N, C-alpha and C. Protein backbone atom coordinates (compact mmCIF):
# COMPACT_ATOMS: atom_id res chain seq x y z
N MET A 1 80.68 115.88 122.40
CA MET A 1 81.93 117.06 122.41
C MET A 1 83.25 116.25 121.46
N LEU A 2 83.58 116.84 121.15
CA LEU A 2 84.74 116.70 120.16
C LEU A 2 86.45 116.58 121.14
N ASN A 3 86.66 115.20 120.73
CA ASN A 3 87.60 114.94 121.11
C ASN A 3 88.72 115.28 120.29
N TYR A 4 89.69 116.18 120.81
CA TYR A 4 90.35 116.98 119.72
C TYR A 4 92.10 116.38 119.77
N ARG A 5 92.35 115.43 120.41
CA ARG A 5 93.31 114.58 120.82
C ARG A 5 93.32 113.06 119.65
N LYS A 6 92.04 112.76 119.97
CA LYS A 6 91.60 112.03 119.14
C LYS A 6 91.58 112.36 117.55
N ILE A 7 90.96 113.35 117.18
CA ILE A 7 90.83 113.93 115.99
C ILE A 7 92.30 113.99 115.29
N ARG A 8 93.44 115.07 116.27
CA ARG A 8 95.14 114.95 115.58
C ARG A 8 95.51 113.24 115.59
N ILE A 9 95.16 112.65 116.72
CA ILE A 9 95.63 111.04 116.17
C ILE A 9 94.99 110.68 114.66
N MET A 10 94.45 110.67 114.96
CA MET A 10 93.43 110.58 113.48
C MET A 10 94.11 110.55 112.25
N HIS A 11 94.10 111.81 112.61
CA HIS A 11 94.93 113.18 111.24
C HIS A 11 96.02 112.40 110.41
N LYS A 12 97.12 111.77 111.89
CA LYS A 12 98.38 111.76 111.52
C LYS A 12 98.35 110.20 111.09
N LEU A 13 97.07 109.63 111.77
CA LEU A 13 97.30 108.17 111.03
C LEU A 13 96.32 107.83 109.72
N ALA A 14 96.16 108.86 109.24
CA ALA A 14 95.33 108.96 107.78
C ALA A 14 96.34 109.72 106.62
N VAL A 15 97.11 110.64 106.86
CA VAL A 15 98.53 110.97 106.08
C VAL A 15 99.26 110.01 106.11
N TYR A 16 99.35 109.72 106.93
CA TYR A 16 100.69 108.68 106.83
C TYR A 16 100.43 107.74 105.90
N GLU A 17 98.94 107.00 106.06
CA GLU A 17 98.69 106.08 105.48
C GLU A 17 98.35 106.14 103.84
N ASN A 18 98.39 107.20 103.74
CA ASN A 18 97.75 107.79 102.02
C ASN A 18 98.97 108.45 102.09
N LYS A 19 100.29 108.44 102.28
CA LYS A 19 101.19 108.89 102.00
C LYS A 19 102.24 107.50 101.57
N GLU A 20 102.95 107.66 102.24
CA GLU A 20 104.08 106.61 102.73
C GLU A 20 103.82 105.38 103.02
N GLY A 21 102.47 105.53 103.95
CA GLY A 21 101.97 104.61 104.78
C GLY A 21 101.65 102.97 103.74
N LYS A 22 101.34 103.22 102.84
CA LYS A 22 101.36 102.47 101.55
C LYS A 22 102.38 101.75 101.08
N GLU A 23 103.22 101.71 101.10
CA GLU A 23 104.39 100.74 100.48
C GLU A 23 105.08 100.12 102.03
N ASP A 24 104.93 101.56 102.92
CA ASP A 24 105.58 100.41 104.25
C ASP A 24 104.59 99.26 104.78
N ILE A 25 103.55 99.71 104.72
CA ILE A 25 102.16 98.23 105.22
C ILE A 25 102.36 97.26 104.21
N GLN A 26 102.83 97.48 102.80
CA GLN A 26 103.30 96.47 101.85
C GLN A 26 104.68 95.41 102.06
N LEU A 27 105.55 96.36 102.52
CA LEU A 27 106.67 96.12 102.64
C LEU A 27 106.81 95.57 104.60
N SER A 28 105.58 95.56 105.63
CA SER A 28 105.18 94.56 106.88
C SER A 28 105.38 93.33 106.11
N LYS A 29 105.14 93.10 105.25
CA LYS A 29 104.13 91.22 104.61
C LYS A 29 105.59 90.25 104.89
N TYR A 30 106.78 91.31 104.64
CA TYR A 30 107.68 90.14 103.66
C TYR A 30 109.25 90.50 105.45
N TYR A 31 109.44 89.47 105.52
CA TYR A 31 110.30 88.99 106.15
C TYR A 31 111.68 90.11 105.89
N LYS A 32 112.84 90.03 106.77
CA LYS A 32 113.81 91.34 105.94
C LYS A 32 114.55 90.76 105.04
N THR A 33 114.49 89.15 105.05
CA THR A 33 115.66 88.77 104.64
C THR A 33 115.05 87.90 103.16
N ASP A 34 113.50 88.08 103.37
CA ASP A 34 112.90 88.16 102.05
C ASP A 34 112.48 89.14 100.91
N TYR A 35 112.21 90.07 101.77
CA TYR A 35 112.47 91.42 101.03
C TYR A 35 113.58 91.89 100.30
N VAL A 36 114.91 92.08 100.91
CA VAL A 36 116.11 92.20 100.35
C VAL A 36 116.43 90.90 99.32
N ARG A 37 116.15 90.17 99.54
CA ARG A 37 116.83 89.14 98.59
C ARG A 37 115.92 89.04 97.37
N TYR A 38 114.96 89.16 97.08
CA TYR A 38 114.15 89.63 96.24
C TYR A 38 114.24 90.67 95.49
N GLN A 39 114.68 91.88 96.29
CA GLN A 39 114.98 92.87 95.37
C GLN A 39 116.44 92.59 94.67
N VAL A 40 116.88 92.08 95.71
CA VAL A 40 118.74 91.97 94.75
C VAL A 40 118.77 91.26 93.81
N LEU A 41 117.72 90.20 93.50
CA LEU A 41 117.09 89.38 92.66
C LEU A 41 117.04 90.26 91.22
N LYS A 42 115.98 90.69 91.69
CA LYS A 42 115.11 91.83 90.30
C LYS A 42 116.22 92.74 89.94
N SER A 43 117.25 93.18 91.15
CA SER A 43 117.97 94.78 90.65
C SER A 43 119.13 93.52 89.71
N ILE A 44 119.23 92.62 89.93
CA ILE A 44 120.42 91.58 89.10
C ILE A 44 119.95 91.20 87.54
N ILE A 45 118.73 91.08 87.96
CA ILE A 45 118.33 90.39 86.78
C ILE A 45 117.81 91.42 85.66
N CYS A 46 117.72 92.60 86.24
CA CYS A 46 117.79 94.48 85.27
C CYS A 46 119.11 95.18 84.88
N ALA A 47 119.91 94.36 85.32
CA ALA A 47 121.35 94.82 85.50
C ALA A 47 121.90 93.74 83.94
N THR A 48 121.90 92.50 84.25
CA THR A 48 121.74 91.25 83.06
C THR A 48 121.26 91.82 81.98
N VAL A 49 120.00 92.48 81.89
CA VAL A 49 118.80 92.43 80.89
C VAL A 49 120.01 93.61 80.39
N GLY A 50 119.87 94.64 81.27
CA GLY A 50 120.86 96.05 80.49
C GLY A 50 122.33 96.11 79.88
N TYR A 51 122.59 94.99 80.71
CA TYR A 51 124.35 94.53 80.06
C TYR A 51 124.49 93.75 78.92
N ALA A 52 123.40 92.84 78.39
CA ALA A 52 122.78 92.21 77.48
C ALA A 52 122.65 93.85 76.14
N LEU A 53 121.89 94.47 76.76
CA LEU A 53 121.49 94.84 75.78
C LEU A 53 122.32 96.14 75.02
N ILE A 54 123.23 96.35 75.84
CA ILE A 54 125.01 96.91 75.73
C ILE A 54 124.90 96.48 74.82
N LEU A 55 125.40 95.21 75.42
CA LEU A 55 126.44 94.38 74.25
C LEU A 55 125.60 94.16 73.15
N LEU A 56 124.49 93.53 72.78
CA LEU A 56 124.16 93.53 71.39
C LEU A 56 124.47 94.86 70.94
N LEU A 57 123.74 96.20 71.17
CA LEU A 57 124.21 97.49 70.98
C LEU A 57 126.17 97.91 69.98
N ILE A 58 126.65 97.37 71.15
CA ILE A 58 127.98 97.08 71.09
C ILE A 58 128.21 96.39 69.17
N PHE A 59 127.80 94.80 69.44
CA PHE A 59 127.80 94.23 68.43
C PHE A 59 127.49 95.08 66.91
N LEU A 60 125.93 95.70 67.15
CA LEU A 60 125.30 95.87 66.17
C LEU A 60 126.34 96.93 65.63
N TYR A 61 127.13 97.34 66.31
CA TYR A 61 127.78 98.94 65.83
C TYR A 61 129.45 98.36 65.21
N GLN A 62 130.29 97.21 66.07
CA GLN A 62 130.87 96.46 65.71
C GLN A 62 131.32 95.56 64.69
N SER A 63 129.61 95.31 64.24
CA SER A 63 129.44 94.56 63.17
C SER A 63 130.32 94.27 61.73
N GLU A 64 130.60 95.09 60.84
CA GLU A 64 131.05 95.49 59.82
C GLU A 64 132.62 95.05 60.09
N TYR A 65 133.40 95.46 61.27
CA TYR A 65 134.82 95.11 61.88
C TYR A 65 135.13 93.22 62.36
N LEU A 66 133.95 93.14 63.11
CA LEU A 66 133.88 91.54 63.49
C LEU A 66 133.42 90.25 62.17
N VAL A 67 132.78 90.98 61.31
CA VAL A 67 132.53 90.10 59.78
C VAL A 67 134.14 90.29 59.17
N ARG A 68 134.80 91.12 59.07
CA ARG A 68 135.62 91.41 58.14
C ARG A 68 136.85 90.47 58.81
N ASN A 69 137.00 90.83 60.18
CA ASN A 69 137.83 90.01 61.25
C ASN A 69 137.81 88.59 61.95
N ALA A 70 136.77 88.25 61.49
CA ALA A 70 136.28 87.50 62.27
C ALA A 70 137.11 85.75 62.70
N VAL A 71 138.07 85.85 61.96
CA VAL A 71 138.93 84.86 61.45
C VAL A 71 140.19 84.67 62.44
N ASN A 72 140.40 86.31 62.87
CA ASN A 72 141.83 86.81 63.70
C ASN A 72 141.54 87.37 64.90
N LEU A 73 139.94 87.17 64.90
CA LEU A 73 139.82 87.62 65.97
C LEU A 73 140.00 86.84 67.78
N ASP A 74 140.26 87.15 68.81
CA ASP A 74 141.55 86.24 70.13
C ASP A 74 140.07 86.19 70.73
N TYR A 75 138.93 85.35 70.37
CA TYR A 75 137.44 85.29 71.42
C TYR A 75 137.24 84.74 72.88
N LYS A 76 138.45 83.81 72.99
CA LYS A 76 138.57 83.59 74.68
C LYS A 76 138.94 85.34 75.72
N THR A 77 139.90 85.55 74.40
CA THR A 77 139.97 87.05 75.26
C THR A 77 138.95 88.03 75.73
N ILE A 78 138.16 88.07 74.51
CA ILE A 78 137.03 88.93 74.33
C ILE A 78 135.90 88.19 75.11
N GLY A 79 135.66 86.99 75.53
CA GLY A 79 135.28 86.21 76.36
C GLY A 79 135.33 86.97 78.29
N LEU A 80 136.43 86.62 78.20
CA LEU A 80 137.00 86.72 79.14
C LEU A 80 136.65 88.30 79.37
N TYR A 81 136.90 88.95 78.86
CA TYR A 81 136.60 90.21 79.02
C TYR A 81 135.36 90.94 79.38
N ILE A 82 134.68 90.00 78.56
CA ILE A 82 133.11 90.35 78.73
C ILE A 82 132.27 90.01 79.90
N LEU A 83 133.09 88.27 80.34
CA LEU A 83 132.16 88.12 81.23
C LEU A 83 133.01 88.69 82.68
N GLY A 84 133.77 89.52 82.85
CA GLY A 84 134.55 89.81 84.07
C GLY A 84 134.10 91.36 84.66
N ILE A 85 133.74 92.14 82.87
CA ILE A 85 132.91 93.08 83.46
C ILE A 85 131.36 92.94 83.62
N TYR A 86 130.71 92.13 83.28
CA TYR A 86 129.44 91.10 83.84
C TYR A 86 129.84 90.90 85.46
N ILE A 87 130.81 90.25 85.92
CA ILE A 87 130.56 89.90 87.31
C ILE A 87 131.20 91.19 88.19
N ILE A 88 131.67 91.77 87.52
CA ILE A 88 132.05 93.40 88.15
C ILE A 88 130.35 93.80 88.45
N ILE A 89 129.85 94.22 87.42
CA ILE A 89 128.62 95.14 87.42
C ILE A 89 127.54 94.34 88.41
N ILE A 90 127.47 93.28 87.99
CA ILE A 90 126.32 92.36 88.79
C ILE A 90 126.65 92.34 90.92
N THR A 91 127.89 92.73 91.00
CA THR A 91 128.93 92.22 91.84
C THR A 91 128.60 93.83 92.59
N ILE A 92 128.59 94.94 91.90
CA ILE A 92 128.01 96.02 92.03
C ILE A 92 126.52 96.50 92.19
N TYR A 93 126.19 95.95 91.77
CA TYR A 93 124.53 96.37 91.37
C TYR A 93 124.27 95.15 92.83
N GLY A 94 124.84 94.15 92.75
CA GLY A 94 123.78 93.06 94.40
C GLY A 94 124.09 93.64 95.94
N PHE A 95 125.45 94.32 95.30
CA PHE A 95 125.60 95.04 96.93
C PHE A 95 125.26 96.08 97.19
N GLY A 96 125.07 97.38 95.87
CA GLY A 96 124.18 98.05 96.32
C GLY A 96 123.13 98.15 96.42
N SER A 97 122.07 97.28 96.62
CA SER A 97 120.59 96.93 96.09
C SER A 97 120.99 96.68 97.62
N LEU A 98 121.87 95.51 98.19
CA LEU A 98 121.44 95.05 99.03
C LEU A 98 121.83 95.95 100.79
N ILE A 99 122.23 96.75 100.08
CA ILE A 99 122.41 98.20 101.23
C ILE A 99 121.26 98.63 101.06
N GLY A 100 121.01 99.35 100.50
CA GLY A 100 119.93 100.39 100.14
C GLY A 100 118.61 99.74 100.28
N TYR A 101 118.20 98.33 100.03
CA TYR A 101 116.99 97.95 99.83
C TYR A 101 116.96 97.50 101.70
N SER A 102 118.34 97.16 102.49
CA SER A 102 118.01 96.84 103.53
C SER A 102 117.88 97.61 104.48
N LEU A 103 118.81 98.68 103.67
CA LEU A 103 118.23 100.67 104.67
C LEU A 103 116.56 100.75 104.57
N LYS A 104 116.20 100.60 103.62
CA LYS A 104 114.80 100.86 103.18
C LYS A 104 113.87 100.08 104.21
N TYR A 105 114.02 99.13 104.66
CA TYR A 105 113.41 98.24 105.13
C TYR A 105 113.41 98.61 106.65
N ASP A 106 114.78 99.22 106.78
CA ASP A 106 114.82 99.38 108.41
C ASP A 106 113.98 100.68 108.34
N ALA A 107 114.28 101.82 107.31
CA ALA A 107 113.25 102.80 108.15
C ALA A 107 111.76 102.72 107.98
N SER A 108 111.34 101.70 106.95
CA SER A 108 110.40 101.56 107.08
C SER A 108 109.51 100.76 108.49
N ARG A 109 110.10 99.53 109.05
CA ARG A 109 109.67 99.46 110.02
C ARG A 109 109.70 99.95 110.69
N LYS A 110 110.69 101.67 111.01
CA LYS A 110 110.59 102.17 112.38
C LYS A 110 109.76 103.32 112.10
N LYS A 111 109.14 102.91 110.37
CA LYS A 111 107.94 104.50 110.74
C LYS A 111 106.32 103.60 111.03
N LEU A 112 106.76 102.71 111.03
CA LEU A 112 105.34 101.16 110.81
C LEU A 112 105.30 101.38 112.77
N GLY A 113 106.59 101.92 113.06
CA GLY A 113 106.70 101.41 114.53
C GLY A 113 105.67 102.49 115.64
N ARG A 114 106.25 103.37 114.87
CA ARG A 114 105.33 104.86 115.44
C ARG A 114 103.87 104.82 114.72
N TYR A 115 103.77 104.33 113.42
CA TYR A 115 101.94 104.41 113.33
C TYR A 115 101.74 103.14 114.55
N TYR A 116 101.98 102.26 114.47
CA TYR A 116 101.34 101.25 115.57
C TYR A 116 101.10 101.82 117.07
N LYS A 117 102.28 102.68 117.39
CA LYS A 117 102.20 103.44 118.80
C LYS A 117 101.32 104.62 118.93
N LEU A 118 100.78 105.08 118.12
CA LEU A 118 99.68 105.85 117.41
C LEU A 118 98.31 104.98 117.60
N LEU A 119 98.76 103.59 116.64
CA LEU A 119 97.25 103.23 116.39
C LEU A 119 97.19 102.56 118.17
N ASN A 120 97.93 102.41 118.66
CA ASN A 120 97.88 101.61 120.52
C ASN A 120 97.27 102.91 121.38
N ARG A 121 97.45 104.08 120.52
CA ARG A 121 96.78 105.18 122.00
C ARG A 121 95.40 106.01 121.33
N LEU A 122 95.30 105.44 120.10
CA LEU A 122 93.90 105.84 119.71
C LEU A 122 92.61 104.46 119.89
N ASN A 123 93.63 103.25 120.05
CA ASN A 123 92.69 102.59 120.92
C ASN A 123 92.59 103.17 122.16
N LYS A 124 93.49 103.24 122.85
CA LYS A 124 92.97 103.84 124.72
C LYS A 124 92.27 104.78 124.60
N ILE A 125 92.12 105.63 123.98
CA ILE A 125 91.39 106.67 123.96
C ILE A 125 89.97 106.55 123.87
N TYR A 126 89.94 105.55 122.71
CA TYR A 126 88.47 104.74 122.48
C TYR A 126 87.70 103.85 123.80
N LYS A 127 88.82 103.26 124.40
CA LYS A 127 88.69 102.28 125.45
C LYS A 127 88.27 103.14 126.42
N GLU A 128 88.69 104.34 127.31
CA GLU A 128 88.30 105.50 127.71
C GLU A 128 87.41 105.75 128.02
N GLU A 129 86.65 106.71 126.10
CA GLU A 129 85.10 107.25 126.11
C GLU A 129 84.14 105.93 126.32
N SER A 130 84.62 104.56 125.90
CA SER A 130 83.57 103.64 125.89
C SER A 130 83.19 103.43 127.59
N PRO A 131 81.65 103.36 127.68
CA PRO A 131 81.15 102.79 128.84
C PRO A 131 81.53 101.00 129.11
N GLU A 132 81.93 100.94 130.18
CA GLU A 132 82.48 99.48 131.34
C GLU A 132 81.32 98.68 130.85
N SER A 133 81.92 97.36 130.00
CA SER A 133 80.88 96.67 130.13
C SER A 133 80.41 95.72 130.82
């Protein structure tokens, strides 16, 4: 005879595993601090590469002006301006990714908690059905 309670639980588990469960199970292999640090580092590297590309495009666009006025430019002010903007961008990306990935990790752990409760409930059903040995 079919146990509909068991079938419902197995269906919920299968749906979770096939959708967001893959990513949540991968996240469960990390400690929160390790996962968040790794993601913050990735976002800072991506922001740095993006900022460097934007600077390159600005340099290429303004190259004629830069070559004409190479002697008269105040390189210290330009460098401080570029560095200041870089620090602001990195700070924003760092804090944003720190908060975002912390929230993502916490939500993932909460979903995994429900997943493990369903697994335990399914395990109890199997133990109830099996004859005592």
